[in-house]
């Protein structure tokens, strides 16, 4: 029902910025909750940020608060993750995800099992 393709990853210096994009296709995009997760080899996926389908509510993991911004442009079927002041510990594969079901609150949004569709991931490497 929904296909997601991430782009925008790459190699940046510490303190630099990247903007990740997630292009969505499918008839239900406008009704989805969208999230960004990241994963380092040997570790579980961790929540990064999420946004409601209206774009009115956002949630962020504590390590990225004040540095990352999630946004969406439903007219372009795209979700973004603007990453500023990048740190080496931000190095990971970043995945966007879509939840077709309705959910409320931080706990729901940061639970990866609540998301129905996942992109292929885009790698971000932050050098010292």
C-alpha atoms as a PDB file:
ATOM      1  CA  UNK A   1       0.000   0.000   0.000  1.00  0.00           C
ATOM      2  CA  UNK A   2       2.933   2.335   0.742  1.00  0.00           C
ATOM      3  CA  UNK A   3       6.442   2.237  -0.677  1.00  0.00           C
ATOM      4  CA  UNK A   4       9.208   4.333   0.871  1.00  0.00           C
ATOM      5  CA  UNK A   5      12.566   5.315  -0.614  1.00  0.00           C
ATOM      6  CA  UNK A   6      15.138   7.210   1.459  1.00  0.00           C
ATOM      7  CA  UNK A   7      17.889   9.392   0.053  1.00  0.00           C
ATOM      8  CA  UNK A   8      20.334  12.066   1.162  1.00  0.00           C
ATOM      9  CA  UNK A   9      22.760  10.073   3.267  1.00  0.00           C
ATOM     10  CA  UNK A  10      26.489  10.494   2.946  1.00  0.00           C
ATOM     11  CA  UNK A  11      29.736  11.410   4.656  1.00  0.00           C
ATOM     12  CA  UNK A  12      29.960  14.668   6.581  1.00  0.00           C
ATOM     13  CA  UNK A  13      32.301  16.232   9.091  1.00  0.00           C
ATOM     14  CA  UNK A  14      31.307  16.604  12.714  1.00  0.00           C
ATOM     15  CA  UNK A  15      29.261  19.756  13.116  1.00  0.00           C
ATOM     16  CA  UNK A  16      27.962  19.565   9.576  1.00  0.00           C
ATOM     17  CA  UNK A  17      24.460  19.030   8.253  1.00  0.00           C
ATOM     18  CA  UNK A  18      22.522  16.628   6.071  1.00  0.00           C
ATOM     19  CA  UNK A  19      18.915  16.489   4.972  1.00  0.00           C
ATOM     20  CA  UNK A  20      17.396  13.071   4.484  1.00  0.00           C
ATOM     21  CA  UNK A  21      14.358  12.617   2.274  1.00  0.00           C
ATOM     22  CA  UNK A  22      11.792   9.846   2.188  1.00  0.00           C
ATOM     23  CA  UNK A  23       9.680   9.678  -0.947  1.00  0.00           C
ATOM     24  CA  UNK A  24       6.431   7.791  -0.526  1.00  0.00           C
ATOM     25  CA  UNK A  25       4.115   6.269  -3.061  1.00  0.00           C
ATOM     26  CA  UNK A  26       0.667   4.888  -2.461  1.00  0.00           C
ATOM     27  CA  UNK A  27      -2.835   6.116  -1.988  1.00  0.00           C
ATOM     28  CA  UNK A  28      -2.679   6.257   1.821  1.00  0.00           C
ATOM     29  CA  UNK A  29       0.329   8.543   2.291  1.00  0.00           C
ATOM     30  CA  UNK A  30      -1.720  11.509   3.447  1.00  0.00           C
ATOM     31  CA  UNK A  31      -3.139   9.549   6.375  1.00  0.00           C
ATOM     32  CA  UNK A  32       0.113   8.084   7.708  1.00  0.00           C
ATOM     33  CA  UNK A  33       2.194   8.718  10.787  1.00  0.00           C
ATOM     34  CA  UNK A  34       5.801   8.877   9.625  1.00  0.00           C
ATOM     35  CA  UNK A  35       8.894   8.054  11.619  1.00  0.00           C
ATOM     36  CA  UNK A  36      12.654   7.981  11.282  1.00  0.00           C
ATOM     37  CA  UNK A  37      14.688   5.247  12.958  1.00  0.00           C
ATOM     38  CA  UNK A  38      18.381   4.456  12.871  1.00  0.00           C
ATOM     39  CA  UNK A  39      20.470   1.354  13.354  1.00  0.00           C
ATOM     40  CA  UNK A  40      24.133   0.643  13.984  1.00  0.00           C
ATOM     41  CA  UNK A  41      25.508  -2.852  13.245  1.00  0.00           C
ATOM     42  CA  UNK A  42      25.000  -5.103  16.240  1.00  0.00           C
ATOM     43  CA  UNK A  43      22.331  -2.893  17.798  1.00  0.00           C
ATOM     44  CA  UNK A  44      18.552  -2.726  17.657  1.00  0.00           C
ATOM     45  CA  UNK A  45      16.771  -0.043  15.711  1.00  0.00           C
ATOM     46  CA  UNK A  46      16.283   3.101  17.743  1.00  0.00           C
ATOM     47  CA  UNK A  47      13.689   5.806  17.368  1.00  0.00           C
ATOM     48  CA  UNK A  48      14.861   9.161  16.040  1.00  0.00           C
ATOM     49  CA  UNK A  49      11.811  11.290  15.231  1.00  0.00           C
ATOM     50  CA  UNK A  50       8.202  11.066  14.110  1.00  0.00           C
ATOM     51  CA  UNK A  51       5.439  13.272  12.773  1.00  0.00           C
ATOM     52  CA  UNK A  52       1.678  12.920  12.634  1.00  0.00           C
ATOM     53  CA  UNK A  53      -0.118  12.822   9.318  1.00  0.00           C
ATOM     54  CA  UNK A  54      -1.307  16.400   9.812  1.00  0.00           C
ATOM     55  CA  UNK A  55       2.234  17.548  10.561  1.00  0.00           C
ATOM     56  CA  UNK A  56       1.019  19.294  13.708  1.00  0.00           C
ATOM     57  CA  UNK A  57       2.748  17.024  16.248  1.00  0.00           C
ATOM     58  CA  UNK A  58       6.341  15.842  16.307  1.00  0.00           C
ATOM     59  CA  UNK A  59       8.393  13.675  18.665  1.00  0.00           C
ATOM     60  CA  UNK A  60      12.155  13.379  19.029  1.00  0.00           C
ATOM     61  CA  UNK A  61      14.527  11.050  20.774  1.00  0.00           C
ATOM     62  CA  UNK A  62      16.475  12.795  23.507  1.00  0.00           C
ATOM     63  CA  UNK A  63      19.906  12.502  21.803  1.00  0.00           C
ATOM     64  CA  UNK A  64      18.722  14.452  18.740  1.00  0.00           C
ATOM     65  CA  UNK A  65      16.524  17.100  20.346  1.00  0.00           C
ATOM     66  CA  UNK A  66      17.531  20.563  19.250  1.00  0.00           C
ATOM     67  CA  UNK A  67      19.629  19.227  16.378  1.00  0.00           C
ATOM     68  CA  UNK A  68      17.231  17.280  14.124  1.00  0.00           C
ATOM     69  CA  UNK A  69      13.944  18.453  12.622  1.00  0.00           C
ATOM     70  CA  UNK A  70      11.330  16.236  11.002  1.00  0.00           C
ATOM     71  CA  UNK A  71       8.871  17.675   8.509  1.00  0.00           C
ATOM     72  CA  UNK A  72       6.569  16.502   5.765  1.00  0.00           C
ATOM     73  CA  UNK A  73       5.209  17.852   2.518  1.00  0.00           C
ATOM     74  CA  UNK A  74       2.114  15.859   1.709  1.00  0.00           C
ATOM     75  CA  UNK A  75       1.708  17.588  -1.649  1.00  0.00           C
ATOM     76  CA  UNK A  76       5.057  16.098  -2.660  1.00  0.00           C
ATOM     77  CA  UNK A  77       4.557  12.809  -0.793  1.00  0.00           C
ATOM     78  CA  UNK A  78       7.837  13.390   1.005  1.00  0.00           C
ATOM     79  CA  UNK A  79       9.086  13.364   4.603  1.00  0.00           C
ATOM     80  CA  UNK A  80      12.341  15.046   5.581  1.00  0.00           C
ATOM     81  CA  UNK A  81      14.839  14.796   8.398  1.00  0.00           C
ATOM     82  CA  UNK A  82      17.046  17.854   8.686  1.00  0.00           C
ATOM     83  CA  UNK A  83      20.123  16.935  10.706  1.00  0.00           C
ATOM     84  CA  UNK A  84      22.307  19.731  12.038  1.00  0.00           C
ATOM     85  CA  UNK A  85      25.310  19.781  14.362  1.00  0.00           C
ATOM     86  CA  UNK A  86      26.033  16.171  13.499  1.00  0.00           C
ATOM     87  CA  UNK A  87      28.147  14.091  15.848  1.00  0.00           C
ATOM     88  CA  UNK A  88      30.137  10.911  15.188  1.00  0.00           C
ATOM     89  CA  UNK A  89      27.641   9.001  17.336  1.00  0.00           C
ATOM     90  CA  UNK A  90      24.945   9.867  14.777  1.00  0.00           C
ATOM     91  CA  UNK A  91      26.625   7.490  12.332  1.00  0.00           C
ATOM     92  CA  UNK A  92      24.067   4.839  11.381  1.00  0.00           C
ATOM     93  CA  UNK A  93      21.740   3.550   8.717  1.00  0.00           C
ATOM     94  CA  UNK A  94      18.633   5.699   8.763  1.00  0.00           C
ATOM     95  CA  UNK A  95      15.212   4.288   7.881  1.00  0.00           C
ATOM     96  CA  UNK A  96      11.891   5.973   7.344  1.00  0.00           C
ATOM     97  CA  UNK A  97       8.716   4.179   8.300  1.00  0.00           C
ATOM     98  CA  UNK A  98       4.985   4.651   7.837  1.00  0.00           C
ATOM     99  CA  UNK A  99       2.152   3.678  10.142  1.00  0.00           C
ATOM    100  CA  UNK A 100      -1.283   3.435   8.596  1.00  0.00           C
ATOM    101  CA  UNK A 101      -3.021   2.924  11.934  1.00  0.00           C
ATOM    102  CA  UNK A 102      -3.837   5.827  14.221  1.00  0.00           C
ATOM    103  CA  UNK A 103      -1.758   6.249  17.346  1.00  0.00           C
ATOM    104  CA  UNK A 104      -1.297   8.849  20.039  1.00  0.00           C
ATOM    105  CA  UNK A 105       1.519   9.905  22.313  1.00  0.00           C
ATOM    106  CA  UNK A 106       5.273   9.580  22.523  1.00  0.00           C
ATOM    107  CA  UNK A 107       5.330   5.934  23.551  1.00  0.00           C
ATOM    108  CA  UNK A 108       3.236   4.854  20.579  1.00  0.00           C
ATOM    109  CA  UNK A 109       5.265   6.874  18.101  1.00  0.00           C
ATOM    110  CA  UNK A 110       8.633   5.540  19.245  1.00  0.00           C
ATOM    111  CA  UNK A 111       7.582   1.884  19.126  1.00  0.00           C
ATOM    112  CA  UNK A 112       8.842   0.446  15.860  1.00  0.00           C
ATOM    113  CA  UNK A 113       6.300  -2.408  15.909  1.00  0.00           C
ATOM    114  CA  UNK A 114       3.559   0.158  15.303  1.00  0.00           C
ATOM    115  CA  UNK A 115       4.905   0.983  11.844  1.00  0.00           C
ATOM    116  CA  UNK A 116       3.675  -0.973   8.841  1.00  0.00           C
ATOM    117  CA  UNK A 117       6.088  -0.058   6.041  1.00  0.00           C
ATOM    118  CA  UNK A 118       9.822   0.591   5.940  1.00  0.00           C
ATOM    119  CA  UNK A 119      12.262   2.042   3.455  1.00  0.00           C
ATOM    120  CA  UNK A 120      15.531   0.439   2.418  1.00  0.00           C
ATOM    121  CA  UNK A 121      17.670   2.797   4.489  1.00  0.00           C
ATOM    122  CA  UNK A 122      20.288   5.419   3.745  1.00  0.00           C
ATOM    123  CA  UNK A 123      23.693   5.496   5.404  1.00  0.00           C
ATOM    124  CA  UNK A 124      25.018   8.474   7.321  1.00  0.00           C
ATOM    125  CA  UNK A 125      28.646   8.666   8.388  1.00  0.00           C
ATOM    126  CA  UNK A 126      29.927  11.527  10.528  1.00  0.00           C
ATOM    127  CA  UNK A 127      33.694  11.868  10.716  1.00  0.00           C
ATOM    128  CA  UNK A 128      35.720  13.411  13.524  1.00  0.00           C
END
